[in-house]
Amino acid sequence: MCPVNEMPDLMRLAAGAARHAASRQAVIATNVANADTPGYRARDMEAFNPDRSDFALRRTHAGHMAGSDRAAGNIFELRGMGTDPNGNSVILEDQILRGIEASRHHSRAVTVYKNALDIMRASIGRN
């Protein structure tokens, strides 16, 4: 069980993961909206990584790995996807699967946040 003083970090991490999933869902929605746009290239975001977010990892032991300072949530063009004759690379079935994945990540992050909040409320005697 996490000490109470670390709970806000857990909540901050969960909030960052939820924001990332929401941003990824927006990128996917843009892809779907442009499914018939000639020359449009489908895009996606890198997976959420706490090392790349505003969540600073701390070492509790000298032997643990340190985080890096890379930028969060880079958007990239999907390569290796087939294209329509008009140059569009959006495949709706693929976008649906990516959207489901982003939705699951968002739900998981919100559940972690809610449970951490419930633990904090229970620790101070409130429901």
N, C-alpha and C. Protein backbone atom coordinates (compact mmCIF):
# COMPACT_ATOMS: atom_id res chain seq x y z
N MET A 1 0.84 -1.19 0.00
CA MET A 1 0.00 0.00 0.00
C MET A 1 0.88 1.24 0.00
N CYS A 2 0.51 2.24 -0.75
CA CYS A 2 1.30 3.46 -0.86
C CYS A 2 1.10 4.33 0.36
N PRO A 3 2.17 4.96 0.84
CA PRO A 3 2.01 5.93 1.91
C PRO A 3 1.14 7.10 1.43
N VAL A 4 0.48 7.73 2.39
CA VAL A 4 -0.44 8.81 2.04
C VAL A 4 0.26 9.95 1.30
N ASN A 5 1.52 10.24 1.64
CA ASN A 5 2.21 11.35 0.98
C ASN A 5 2.52 11.07 -0.48
N GLU A 6 2.43 9.82 -0.95
CA GLU A 6 2.66 9.51 -2.36
C GLU A 6 1.37 9.46 -3.16
N MET A 7 0.24 9.50 -2.51
CA MET A 7 -1.03 9.39 -3.21
C MET A 7 -1.23 10.49 -4.25
N PRO A 8 -0.90 11.75 -3.96
CA PRO A 8 -1.09 12.76 -5.01
C PRO A 8 -0.28 12.47 -6.27
N ASP A 9 0.90 11.87 -6.15
CA ASP A 9 1.68 11.50 -7.33
C ASP A 9 0.95 10.44 -8.15
N LEU A 10 0.35 9.47 -7.47
CA LEU A 10 -0.41 8.45 -8.17
C LEU A 10 -1.59 9.09 -8.90
N MET A 11 -2.25 10.02 -8.26
CA MET A 11 -3.38 10.68 -8.89
C MET A 11 -2.92 11.55 -10.07
N ARG A 12 -1.77 12.18 -9.91
CA ARG A 12 -1.22 13.00 -11.00
C ARG A 12 -0.84 12.12 -12.19
N LEU A 13 -0.29 10.96 -11.92
CA LEU A 13 0.05 10.01 -12.98
C LEU A 13 -1.21 9.54 -13.69
N ALA A 14 -2.25 9.19 -12.93
CA ALA A 14 -3.51 8.73 -13.53
C ALA A 14 -4.14 9.84 -14.36
N ALA A 15 -4.10 11.07 -13.87
CA ALA A 15 -4.65 12.20 -14.62
C ALA A 15 -3.88 12.42 -15.91
N GLY A 16 -2.56 12.28 -15.86
CA GLY A 16 -1.74 12.41 -17.08
C GLY A 16 -2.06 11.33 -18.10
N ALA A 17 -2.27 10.11 -17.61
CA ALA A 17 -2.62 9.00 -18.52
C ALA A 17 -3.99 9.24 -19.15
N ALA A 18 -4.93 9.77 -18.37
CA ALA A 18 -6.27 10.07 -18.91
C ALA A 18 -6.19 11.19 -19.94
N ARG A 19 -5.40 12.23 -19.67
CA ARG A 19 -5.23 13.32 -20.65
C ARG A 19 -4.62 12.80 -21.94
N HIS A 20 -3.63 11.94 -21.82
CA HIS A 20 -2.99 11.38 -23.01
C HIS A 20 -3.99 10.56 -23.83
N ALA A 21 -4.79 9.73 -23.15
CA ALA A 21 -5.78 8.91 -23.86
C ALA A 21 -6.80 9.80 -24.56
N ALA A 22 -7.20 10.89 -23.91
CA ALA A 22 -8.16 11.81 -24.53
C ALA A 22 -7.54 12.49 -25.75
N SER A 23 -6.27 12.87 -25.65
CA SER A 23 -5.59 13.48 -26.80
C SER A 23 -5.47 12.49 -27.95
N ARG A 24 -5.15 11.26 -27.62
CA ARG A 24 -5.05 10.23 -28.66
C ARG A 24 -6.40 10.00 -29.33
N GLN A 25 -7.45 10.02 -28.54
CA GLN A 25 -8.79 9.85 -29.10
C GLN A 25 -9.11 11.00 -30.06
N ALA A 26 -8.66 12.21 -29.76
CA ALA A 26 -8.87 13.36 -30.65
C ALA A 26 -8.12 13.17 -31.97
N VAL A 27 -6.90 12.63 -31.91
CA VAL A 27 -6.13 12.37 -33.13
C VAL A 27 -6.85 11.33 -33.98
N ILE A 28 -7.36 10.29 -33.34
CA ILE A 28 -8.07 9.24 -34.05
C ILE A 28 -9.36 9.79 -34.66
N ALA A 29 -10.06 10.64 -33.92
CA ALA A 29 -11.29 11.26 -34.45
C ALA A 29 -10.99 12.12 -35.67
N THR A 30 -9.86 12.81 -35.66
CA THR A 30 -9.45 13.60 -36.82
C THR A 30 -9.19 12.70 -38.02
N ASN A 31 -8.56 11.55 -37.77
CA ASN A 31 -8.34 10.59 -38.85
C ASN A 31 -9.67 10.15 -39.47
N VAL A 32 -10.63 9.79 -38.61
CA VAL A 32 -11.92 9.32 -39.10
C VAL A 32 -12.64 10.44 -39.86
N ALA A 33 -12.56 11.65 -39.36
CA ALA A 33 -13.21 12.78 -40.03
C ALA A 33 -12.62 13.04 -41.41
N ASN A 34 -11.36 12.68 -41.60
CA ASN A 34 -10.68 12.90 -42.88
C ASN A 34 -10.54 11.63 -43.70
N ALA A 35 -11.38 10.65 -43.43
CA ALA A 35 -11.28 9.36 -44.12
C ALA A 35 -11.46 9.47 -45.63
N ASP A 36 -12.15 10.50 -46.10
CA ASP A 36 -12.37 10.68 -47.54
C ASP A 36 -11.60 11.86 -48.12
N THR A 37 -10.72 12.46 -47.34
CA THR A 37 -9.95 13.61 -47.79
C THR A 37 -8.77 13.12 -48.64
N PRO A 38 -8.70 13.53 -49.90
CA PRO A 38 -7.58 13.10 -50.75
C PRO A 38 -6.23 13.51 -50.17
N GLY A 39 -5.31 12.57 -50.14
CA GLY A 39 -3.95 12.85 -49.68
C GLY A 39 -3.77 12.87 -48.18
N TYR A 40 -4.84 12.70 -47.40
CA TYR A 40 -4.70 12.74 -45.95
C TYR A 40 -3.97 11.48 -45.46
N ARG A 41 -3.05 11.67 -44.54
CA ARG A 41 -2.28 10.57 -43.96
C ARG A 41 -2.73 10.35 -42.52
N ALA A 42 -3.07 9.11 -42.18
CA ALA A 42 -3.49 8.78 -40.82
C ALA A 42 -2.36 9.02 -39.84
N ARG A 43 -2.72 9.46 -38.65
CA ARG A 43 -1.74 9.75 -37.60
C ARG A 43 -2.12 9.03 -36.31
N ASP A 44 -1.17 8.96 -35.41
CA ASP A 44 -1.40 8.38 -34.09
C ASP A 44 -0.43 9.03 -33.12
N MET A 45 -0.54 8.68 -31.84
CA MET A 45 0.37 9.22 -30.83
C MET A 45 1.20 8.10 -30.23
N GLU A 46 2.37 8.46 -29.76
CA GLU A 46 3.19 7.50 -29.03
C GLU A 46 2.44 7.07 -27.78
N ALA A 47 2.74 5.90 -27.29
CA ALA A 47 2.11 5.39 -26.07
C ALA A 47 2.46 6.29 -24.89
N PHE A 48 1.56 6.35 -23.91
CA PHE A 48 1.82 7.13 -22.70
C PHE A 48 3.02 6.56 -21.98
N ASN A 49 3.90 7.43 -21.57
CA ASN A 49 5.09 7.03 -20.84
C ASN A 49 5.34 8.07 -19.77
N PRO A 50 5.29 7.70 -18.49
CA PRO A 50 5.50 8.68 -17.42
C PRO A 50 6.84 9.41 -17.54
N ASP A 51 7.85 8.78 -18.16
CA ASP A 51 9.14 9.44 -18.33
C ASP A 51 9.02 10.68 -19.21
N ARG A 52 8.05 10.69 -20.10
CA ARG A 52 7.92 11.78 -21.07
C ARG A 52 6.86 12.79 -20.68
N SER A 53 6.22 12.63 -19.54
CA SER A 53 5.17 13.55 -19.13
C SER A 53 5.69 14.48 -18.04
N ASP A 54 4.78 15.26 -17.48
CA ASP A 54 5.17 16.16 -16.40
C ASP A 54 5.29 15.43 -15.07
N PHE A 55 5.05 14.12 -15.10
CA PHE A 55 5.19 13.30 -13.90
C PHE A 55 6.66 12.94 -13.73
N ALA A 56 7.28 13.49 -12.74
CA ALA A 56 8.70 13.25 -12.53
C ALA A 56 8.91 11.98 -11.72
N LEU A 57 9.63 11.05 -12.28
CA LEU A 57 9.93 9.82 -11.56
C LEU A 57 11.02 10.09 -10.53
N ARG A 58 10.89 9.43 -9.40
CA ARG A 58 11.88 9.58 -8.35
C ARG A 58 12.52 8.23 -8.09
N ARG A 59 13.78 8.26 -7.77
CA ARG A 59 14.47 7.03 -7.40
C ARG A 59 14.39 6.85 -5.90
N THR A 60 14.00 5.65 -5.48
CA THR A 60 13.99 5.34 -4.06
C THR A 60 15.22 4.52 -3.69
N HIS A 61 15.98 4.12 -4.70
CA HIS A 61 17.19 3.33 -4.49
C HIS A 61 18.17 3.69 -5.60
N ALA A 62 19.43 3.78 -5.28
CA ALA A 62 20.43 4.19 -6.27
C ALA A 62 20.52 3.26 -7.46
N GLY A 63 20.13 2.00 -7.29
CA GLY A 63 20.19 1.03 -8.38
C GLY A 63 19.03 1.12 -9.36
N HIS A 64 18.03 1.93 -9.06
CA HIS A 64 16.88 2.06 -9.95
C HIS A 64 17.21 2.95 -11.14
N MET A 65 16.49 2.73 -12.24
CA MET A 65 16.73 3.53 -13.44
C MET A 65 16.14 4.93 -13.29
N ALA A 66 16.79 5.91 -13.88
CA ALA A 66 16.29 7.29 -13.87
C ALA A 66 15.45 7.54 -15.11
N GLY A 67 14.54 8.48 -15.00
CA GLY A 67 13.69 8.83 -16.14
C GLY A 67 14.44 9.72 -17.12
N SER A 68 13.85 9.92 -18.30
CA SER A 68 14.45 10.78 -19.31
C SER A 68 13.63 12.05 -19.45
N ASP A 69 14.12 13.03 -20.20
CA ASP A 69 13.46 14.31 -20.36
C ASP A 69 12.89 14.52 -21.75
N ARG A 70 12.38 13.46 -22.39
CA ARG A 70 11.84 13.61 -23.74
C ARG A 70 10.45 14.21 -23.71
N ALA A 71 10.01 14.77 -24.83
CA ALA A 71 8.70 15.40 -24.93
C ALA A 71 7.58 14.36 -24.85
N ALA A 72 6.43 14.78 -24.35
CA ALA A 72 5.29 13.88 -24.16
C ALA A 72 4.42 13.81 -25.40
N GLY A 73 3.87 12.62 -25.64
CA GLY A 73 2.82 12.43 -26.61
C GLY A 73 3.07 12.90 -28.03
N ASN A 74 4.17 12.54 -28.60
CA ASN A 74 4.45 12.95 -29.98
C ASN A 74 3.48 12.30 -30.95
N ILE A 75 2.98 13.09 -31.88
CA ILE A 75 2.09 12.59 -32.92
C ILE A 75 2.95 12.21 -34.11
N PHE A 76 2.64 11.07 -34.70
CA PHE A 76 3.42 10.62 -35.85
C PHE A 76 2.49 10.09 -36.92
N GLU A 77 2.97 10.07 -38.15
CA GLU A 77 2.21 9.54 -39.27
C GLU A 77 2.33 8.02 -39.29
N LEU A 78 1.19 7.34 -39.50
CA LEU A 78 1.21 5.89 -39.58
C LEU A 78 1.80 5.49 -40.93
N ARG A 79 2.82 4.69 -40.89
CA ARG A 79 3.47 4.25 -42.12
C ARG A 79 3.16 2.77 -42.34
N GLY A 80 3.31 2.33 -43.57
CA GLY A 80 3.06 0.94 -43.89
C GLY A 80 1.58 0.62 -44.08
N MET A 81 0.77 1.65 -44.04
CA MET A 81 -0.67 1.46 -44.25
C MET A 81 -0.93 1.58 -45.75
N GLY A 82 -1.85 0.82 -46.25
CA GLY A 82 -2.22 0.94 -47.65
C GLY A 82 -2.89 2.29 -47.90
N THR A 83 -2.85 2.74 -49.12
CA THR A 83 -3.51 4.00 -49.45
C THR A 83 -4.55 3.77 -50.53
N ASP A 84 -5.56 4.63 -50.50
CA ASP A 84 -6.57 4.64 -51.56
C ASP A 84 -5.95 5.25 -52.81
N PRO A 85 -6.63 5.12 -53.94
CA PRO A 85 -6.11 5.75 -55.16
C PRO A 85 -5.95 7.27 -55.02
N ASN A 86 -6.72 7.88 -54.09
CA ASN A 86 -6.60 9.33 -53.90
C ASN A 86 -5.50 9.70 -52.91
N GLY A 87 -4.74 8.71 -52.41
CA GLY A 87 -3.62 8.97 -51.51
C GLY A 87 -3.98 8.98 -50.04
N ASN A 88 -5.21 8.69 -49.68
CA ASN A 88 -5.64 8.68 -48.29
C ASN A 88 -5.23 7.36 -47.64
N SER A 89 -4.67 7.44 -46.42
CA SER A 89 -4.20 6.22 -45.75
C SER A 89 -5.05 5.81 -44.56
N VAL A 90 -6.22 6.41 -44.38
CA VAL A 90 -7.08 6.07 -43.25
C VAL A 90 -7.84 4.77 -43.54
N ILE A 91 -7.68 3.80 -42.67
CA ILE A 91 -8.43 2.55 -42.74
C ILE A 91 -9.37 2.56 -41.53
N LEU A 92 -10.66 2.67 -41.80
CA LEU A 92 -11.63 2.86 -40.72
C LEU A 92 -11.61 1.74 -39.69
N GLU A 93 -11.45 0.50 -40.12
CA GLU A 93 -11.41 -0.62 -39.17
C GLU A 93 -10.24 -0.47 -38.20
N ASP A 94 -9.10 -0.06 -38.72
CA ASP A 94 -7.92 0.15 -37.89
C ASP A 94 -8.16 1.29 -36.90
N GLN A 95 -8.80 2.36 -37.37
CA GLN A 95 -9.07 3.50 -36.50
C GLN A 95 -10.06 3.13 -35.39
N ILE A 96 -11.02 2.28 -35.70
CA ILE A 96 -11.97 1.82 -34.69
C ILE A 96 -11.23 1.06 -33.59
N LEU A 97 -10.33 0.17 -33.98
CA LEU A 97 -9.56 -0.59 -33.00
C LEU A 97 -8.67 0.33 -32.16
N ARG A 98 -8.06 1.31 -32.79
CA ARG A 98 -7.23 2.27 -32.05
C ARG A 98 -8.09 3.10 -31.10
N GLY A 99 -9.28 3.46 -31.52
CA GLY A 99 -10.20 4.21 -30.67
C GLY A 99 -10.63 3.40 -29.45
N ILE A 100 -10.90 2.12 -29.66
CA ILE A 100 -11.26 1.24 -28.54
C ILE A 100 -10.11 1.14 -27.56
N GLU A 101 -8.90 1.00 -28.08
CA GLU A 101 -7.72 0.93 -27.22
C GLU A 101 -7.56 2.21 -26.40
N ALA A 102 -7.72 3.36 -27.03
CA ALA A 102 -7.61 4.64 -26.32
C ALA A 102 -8.70 4.76 -25.26
N SER A 103 -9.90 4.31 -25.59
CA SER A 103 -11.01 4.35 -24.63
C SER A 103 -10.71 3.48 -23.41
N ARG A 104 -10.15 2.31 -23.64
CA ARG A 104 -9.79 1.42 -22.52
C ARG A 104 -8.71 2.04 -21.65
N HIS A 105 -7.73 2.66 -22.27
CA HIS A 105 -6.67 3.31 -21.49
C HIS A 105 -7.24 4.45 -20.65
N HIS A 106 -8.17 5.21 -21.24
CA HIS A 106 -8.80 6.31 -20.51
C HIS A 106 -9.60 5.77 -19.33
N SER A 107 -10.39 4.74 -19.56
CA SER A 107 -11.19 4.14 -18.49
C SER A 107 -10.31 3.61 -17.36
N ARG A 108 -9.20 2.98 -17.73
CA ARG A 108 -8.28 2.45 -16.72
C ARG A 108 -7.69 3.59 -15.88
N ALA A 109 -7.29 4.67 -16.52
CA ALA A 109 -6.71 5.79 -15.80
C ALA A 109 -7.73 6.44 -14.87
N VAL A 110 -8.95 6.61 -15.34
CA VAL A 110 -10.00 7.19 -14.51
C VAL A 110 -10.32 6.29 -13.32
N THR A 111 -10.31 4.98 -13.52
CA THR A 111 -10.55 4.03 -12.43
C THR A 111 -9.45 4.12 -11.38
N VAL A 112 -8.20 4.20 -11.81
CA VAL A 112 -7.09 4.35 -10.86
C VAL A 112 -7.25 5.65 -10.08
N TYR A 113 -7.58 6.73 -10.76
CA TYR A 113 -7.76 8.03 -10.11
C TYR A 113 -8.89 7.94 -9.08
N LYS A 114 -10.03 7.37 -9.48
CA LYS A 114 -11.19 7.26 -8.59
C LYS A 114 -10.86 6.40 -7.37
N ASN A 115 -10.18 5.29 -7.58
CA ASN A 115 -9.83 4.43 -6.45
C ASN A 115 -8.85 5.10 -5.50
N ALA A 116 -7.91 5.85 -6.03
CA ALA A 116 -6.98 6.59 -5.18
C ALA A 116 -7.73 7.63 -4.36
N LEU A 117 -8.69 8.29 -4.99
CA LEU A 117 -9.51 9.27 -4.29
C LEU A 117 -10.35 8.60 -3.19
N ASP A 118 -10.90 7.44 -3.49
CA ASP A 118 -11.67 6.69 -2.49
C ASP A 118 -10.80 6.31 -1.29
N ILE A 119 -9.55 5.90 -1.56
CA ILE A 119 -8.63 5.55 -0.47
C ILE A 119 -8.33 6.77 0.39
N MET A 120 -8.13 7.91 -0.25
CA MET A 120 -7.86 9.13 0.51
C MET A 120 -9.06 9.51 1.36
N ARG A 121 -10.26 9.40 0.79
CA ARG A 121 -11.48 9.73 1.55
C ARG A 121 -11.63 8.78 2.73
N ALA A 122 -11.38 7.49 2.51
CA ALA A 122 -11.51 6.51 3.60
C ALA A 122 -10.49 6.79 4.70
N SER A 123 -9.31 7.25 4.32
CA SER A 123 -8.28 7.49 5.34
C SER A 123 -8.62 8.67 6.23
N ILE A 124 -9.46 9.59 5.77
CA ILE A 124 -9.86 10.71 6.62
C ILE A 124 -11.28 10.52 7.20
N GLY A 125 -11.85 9.33 6.93
CA GLY A 125 -13.13 8.98 7.52
C GLY A 125 -14.34 9.48 6.78
N ARG A 126 -14.21 9.78 5.50
CA ARG A 126 -15.35 10.23 4.70
C ARG A 126 -15.62 9.21 3.61
N ASN A 127 -16.85 9.18 3.16
CA ASN A 127 -17.21 8.25 2.07
C ASN A 127 -17.10 8.92 0.78
